[in-house]
């Protein structure tokens, strides 16, 4: 006679439960688990600082309102409402 496998009851899958599982895998396999606490804290601070910098750059660029060619610096004409 074969033994039947016991199956776990299906858990509700949400975004957070999936993220928690992914973070657990990340800490075990990729080497993050081998870093010291100080290295993790410094790395997290650098990551947050970089994200803050990028957010400020994006906000500053959005307030200018004019599209400018990155190579020439010339203003680009708007295409809102243009028909093909």
N, C-alpha and C. Protein backbone atom coordinates (compact mmCIF):
# COMPACT_ATOMS: atom_id res chain seq x y z
N UNK A 1 0.83 -1.19 0.00
CA UNK A 1 0.00 0.00 0.00
C UNK A 1 0.87 1.24 0.00
N UNK A 2 0.49 2.17 -0.83
CA UNK A 2 1.21 3.43 -0.88
C UNK A 2 0.70 4.36 0.19
N UNK A 3 1.64 5.08 0.76
CA UNK A 3 1.24 6.09 1.74
C UNK A 3 0.83 7.34 0.98
N UNK A 4 -0.25 7.89 1.40
CA UNK A 4 -0.68 9.13 0.75
C UNK A 4 0.09 10.30 1.35
N UNK A 5 0.45 11.21 0.48
CA UNK A 5 1.17 12.39 0.93
C UNK A 5 0.21 13.34 1.63
N UNK A 6 0.68 13.85 2.73
CA UNK A 6 -0.13 14.84 3.42
C UNK A 6 0.11 16.19 2.75
N UNK A 7 -0.95 16.82 2.38
CA UNK A 7 -0.81 18.13 1.76
C UNK A 7 -1.18 19.20 2.77
N UNK A 8 -0.44 20.26 2.70
CA UNK A 8 -0.74 21.38 3.59
C UNK A 8 -1.94 22.13 3.05
N UNK A 9 -2.73 22.69 3.93
CA UNK A 9 -3.87 23.47 3.44
C UNK A 9 -3.36 24.68 2.67
N UNK A 10 -4.06 25.03 1.62
CA UNK A 10 -3.65 26.15 0.78
C UNK A 10 -3.73 27.46 1.56
N UNK A 11 -2.63 28.17 1.53
CA UNK A 11 -2.60 29.48 2.20
C UNK A 11 -3.01 30.54 1.20
N UNK A 12 -3.57 31.61 1.72
CA UNK A 12 -3.90 32.73 0.86
C UNK A 12 -2.60 33.38 0.42
N UNK A 13 -2.44 33.55 -0.86
CA UNK A 13 -1.22 34.18 -1.36
C UNK A 13 -1.50 35.66 -1.56
N UNK A 14 -0.66 36.44 -0.93
CA UNK A 14 -0.77 37.87 -1.12
C UNK A 14 0.59 38.39 -1.52
N UNK A 15 0.65 39.64 -1.84
CA UNK A 15 1.90 40.26 -2.25
C UNK A 15 2.92 40.19 -1.13
N UNK A 16 2.48 40.43 0.08
CA UNK A 16 3.41 40.44 1.21
C UNK A 16 3.93 39.05 1.54
N UNK A 17 3.08 38.04 1.44
CA UNK A 17 3.56 36.70 1.75
C UNK A 17 4.56 36.23 0.70
N UNK A 18 4.34 36.61 -0.54
CA UNK A 18 5.29 36.27 -1.59
C UNK A 18 6.61 36.99 -1.41
N UNK A 19 6.54 38.24 -0.98
CA UNK A 19 7.76 39.02 -0.75
C UNK A 19 8.55 38.44 0.42
N UNK A 20 7.87 38.01 1.46
CA UNK A 20 8.56 37.44 2.62
C UNK A 20 9.30 36.17 2.22
N UNK A 21 8.67 35.35 1.41
CA UNK A 21 9.30 34.11 0.96
C UNK A 21 10.53 34.42 0.11
N UNK A 22 10.42 35.40 -0.76
CA UNK A 22 11.53 35.78 -1.62
C UNK A 22 12.69 36.32 -0.80
N UNK A 23 12.39 37.12 0.21
CA UNK A 23 13.45 37.67 1.05
C UNK A 23 14.15 36.57 1.84
N UNK A 24 13.41 35.57 2.27
CA UNK A 24 14.04 34.45 2.97
C UNK A 24 15.00 33.71 2.05
N UNK A 25 14.58 33.48 0.82
CA UNK A 25 15.45 32.82 -0.15
C UNK A 25 16.68 33.66 -0.43
N UNK A 26 16.51 34.96 -0.55
CA UNK A 26 17.60 35.87 -0.85
C UNK A 26 18.65 35.83 0.25
N UNK A 27 18.23 35.80 1.48
CA UNK A 27 19.16 35.77 2.60
C UNK A 27 19.93 34.47 2.71
N UNK A 28 19.33 33.38 2.27
CA UNK A 28 19.98 32.07 2.40
C UNK A 28 20.97 31.81 1.27
N UNK A 29 20.58 32.07 0.05
CA UNK A 29 21.37 31.60 -1.07
C UNK A 29 22.39 32.54 -1.65
N UNK A 30 22.14 33.82 -1.66
CA UNK A 30 22.98 34.70 -2.45
C UNK A 30 24.17 35.28 -1.71
N UNK A 31 24.29 35.04 -0.45
CA UNK A 31 25.45 35.55 0.27
C UNK A 31 25.13 36.71 1.18
N UNK A 32 23.93 37.23 1.13
CA UNK A 32 23.56 38.32 2.03
C UNK A 32 23.59 37.84 3.47
N UNK A 33 23.27 36.57 3.67
CA UNK A 33 23.29 36.00 5.00
C UNK A 33 24.69 35.97 5.61
N UNK A 34 25.71 36.00 4.74
CA UNK A 34 27.09 35.95 5.23
C UNK A 34 27.63 37.34 5.57
N UNK A 35 26.92 38.39 5.23
CA UNK A 35 27.38 39.74 5.55
C UNK A 35 27.18 40.03 7.03
N UNK A 36 28.04 40.88 7.57
CA UNK A 36 27.87 41.27 8.97
C UNK A 36 26.70 42.25 9.08
N UNK A 37 26.23 42.45 10.28
CA UNK A 37 25.13 43.38 10.50
C UNK A 37 25.51 44.78 10.06
N UNK A 38 26.74 45.19 10.34
CA UNK A 38 27.20 46.52 9.95
C UNK A 38 27.17 46.67 8.44
N UNK A 39 27.62 45.66 7.73
CA UNK A 39 27.61 45.73 6.27
C UNK A 39 26.20 45.83 5.72
N UNK A 40 25.27 45.12 6.34
CA UNK A 40 23.87 45.18 5.91
C UNK A 40 23.28 46.57 6.16
N UNK A 41 23.59 47.15 7.33
CA UNK A 41 23.06 48.48 7.67
C UNK A 41 23.63 49.53 6.72
N UNK A 42 24.94 49.48 6.48
CA UNK A 42 25.56 50.45 5.59
C UNK A 42 25.02 50.30 4.17
N UNK A 43 24.87 49.07 3.71
CA UNK A 43 24.32 48.82 2.39
C UNK A 43 22.89 49.33 2.26
N UNK A 44 22.08 49.12 3.28
CA UNK A 44 20.71 49.63 3.27
C UNK A 44 20.66 51.14 3.26
N UNK A 45 21.56 51.77 4.03
CA UNK A 45 21.60 53.24 4.06
C UNK A 45 22.01 53.79 2.70
N UNK A 46 22.99 53.16 2.05
CA UNK A 46 23.40 53.60 0.71
C UNK A 46 22.27 53.42 -0.30
N UNK A 47 21.56 52.33 -0.19
CA UNK A 47 20.44 52.08 -1.08
C UNK A 47 19.36 53.14 -0.92
N UNK A 48 19.01 53.45 0.33
CA UNK A 48 17.99 54.47 0.58
C UNK A 48 18.47 55.85 0.13
N UNK A 49 19.73 56.14 0.36
CA UNK A 49 20.28 57.42 -0.08
C UNK A 49 20.23 57.56 -1.59
N UNK A 50 20.56 56.50 -2.29
CA UNK A 50 20.50 56.52 -3.75
C UNK A 50 19.09 56.67 -4.27
N UNK A 51 18.14 55.99 -3.65
CA UNK A 51 16.75 56.13 -4.06
C UNK A 51 16.23 57.54 -3.80
N UNK A 52 16.64 58.12 -2.67
CA UNK A 52 16.24 59.51 -2.37
C UNK A 52 16.81 60.48 -3.39
N UNK A 53 18.07 60.27 -3.76
CA UNK A 53 18.71 61.12 -4.76
C UNK A 53 17.98 61.03 -6.10
N UNK A 54 17.65 59.81 -6.52
CA UNK A 54 16.96 59.65 -7.79
C UNK A 54 15.56 60.27 -7.76
N UNK A 55 14.89 60.17 -6.62
CA UNK A 55 13.55 60.77 -6.49
C UNK A 55 13.64 62.29 -6.59
N UNK A 56 14.66 62.88 -5.98
CA UNK A 56 14.84 64.34 -6.06
C UNK A 56 15.15 64.76 -7.49
N UNK A 57 16.00 64.00 -8.17
CA UNK A 57 16.33 64.33 -9.56
C UNK A 57 15.10 64.26 -10.45
N UNK A 58 14.28 63.23 -10.21
CA UNK A 58 13.08 63.08 -11.02
C UNK A 58 12.10 64.23 -10.75
N UNK A 59 11.95 64.62 -9.48
CA UNK A 59 11.04 65.71 -9.13
C UNK A 59 11.53 67.03 -9.71
N UNK A 60 12.83 67.26 -9.69
CA UNK A 60 13.39 68.50 -10.23
C UNK A 60 13.20 68.55 -11.74
N UNK A 61 13.32 67.44 -12.41
CA UNK A 61 13.15 67.39 -13.86
C UNK A 61 11.71 67.58 -14.27
N UNK A 62 10.78 67.16 -13.44
CA UNK A 62 9.35 67.26 -13.76
C UNK A 62 8.86 68.69 -13.62
N UNK A 63 9.51 69.50 -12.80
CA UNK A 63 9.03 70.86 -12.57
C UNK A 63 9.43 71.82 -13.68
N UNK A 64 10.40 71.46 -14.54
CA UNK A 64 10.82 72.37 -15.61
C UNK A 64 9.72 72.52 -16.64
N UNK A 65 8.99 71.46 -16.95
CA UNK A 65 7.85 71.56 -17.84
C UNK A 65 8.22 71.49 -19.31
N UNK A 66 9.43 71.86 -19.71
CA UNK A 66 9.80 71.85 -21.12
C UNK A 66 10.61 70.60 -21.42
N UNK A 67 10.31 70.01 -22.56
CA UNK A 67 11.12 68.87 -23.02
C UNK A 67 12.35 69.42 -23.71
N UNK A 68 13.52 68.95 -23.27
CA UNK A 68 14.77 69.45 -23.83
C UNK A 68 15.57 68.26 -24.33
N UNK A 69 16.13 68.42 -25.53
CA UNK A 69 16.98 67.38 -26.10
C UNK A 69 18.24 67.27 -25.26
N UNK A 70 18.57 66.06 -24.82
CA UNK A 70 19.73 65.86 -23.94
C UNK A 70 21.04 66.15 -24.65
N UNK A 71 21.09 65.98 -25.96
CA UNK A 71 22.33 66.19 -26.70
C UNK A 71 22.56 67.64 -27.08
N UNK A 72 21.53 68.32 -27.55
CA UNK A 72 21.70 69.68 -28.05
C UNK A 72 21.24 70.75 -27.08
N UNK A 73 20.36 70.40 -26.16
CA UNK A 73 19.83 71.38 -25.23
C UNK A 73 18.69 72.19 -25.81
N UNK A 74 18.27 71.86 -27.03
CA UNK A 74 17.19 72.59 -27.68
C UNK A 74 15.84 72.13 -27.16
N UNK A 75 14.88 73.04 -27.15
CA UNK A 75 13.53 72.71 -26.73
C UNK A 75 12.85 71.87 -27.80
N UNK A 76 12.14 70.85 -27.39
CA UNK A 76 11.43 69.99 -28.32
C UNK A 76 9.97 70.41 -28.39
N UNK A 77 9.39 70.38 -29.58
CA UNK A 77 7.97 70.77 -29.70
C UNK A 77 7.07 69.73 -29.04
N UNK A 78 5.98 70.20 -28.47
CA UNK A 78 5.03 69.30 -27.84
C UNK A 78 4.24 68.54 -28.88
N UNK A 79 3.79 67.33 -28.53
CA UNK A 79 3.01 66.54 -29.47
C UNK A 79 1.65 66.20 -28.91
N UNK A 80 1.23 66.94 -27.88
CA UNK A 80 -0.08 66.67 -27.31
C UNK A 80 -1.16 67.04 -28.31
N UNK A 81 -2.09 66.17 -28.50
CA UNK A 81 -3.20 66.42 -29.39
C UNK A 81 -2.85 66.26 -30.86
N UNK A 82 -1.67 65.80 -31.15
CA UNK A 82 -1.26 65.63 -32.54
C UNK A 82 -1.96 64.40 -33.13
N UNK A 83 -2.34 64.52 -34.39
CA UNK A 83 -2.99 63.42 -35.07
C UNK A 83 -2.02 62.79 -36.07
N UNK A 84 -2.17 61.52 -36.26
CA UNK A 84 -1.31 60.83 -37.23
C UNK A 84 -1.88 60.88 -38.59
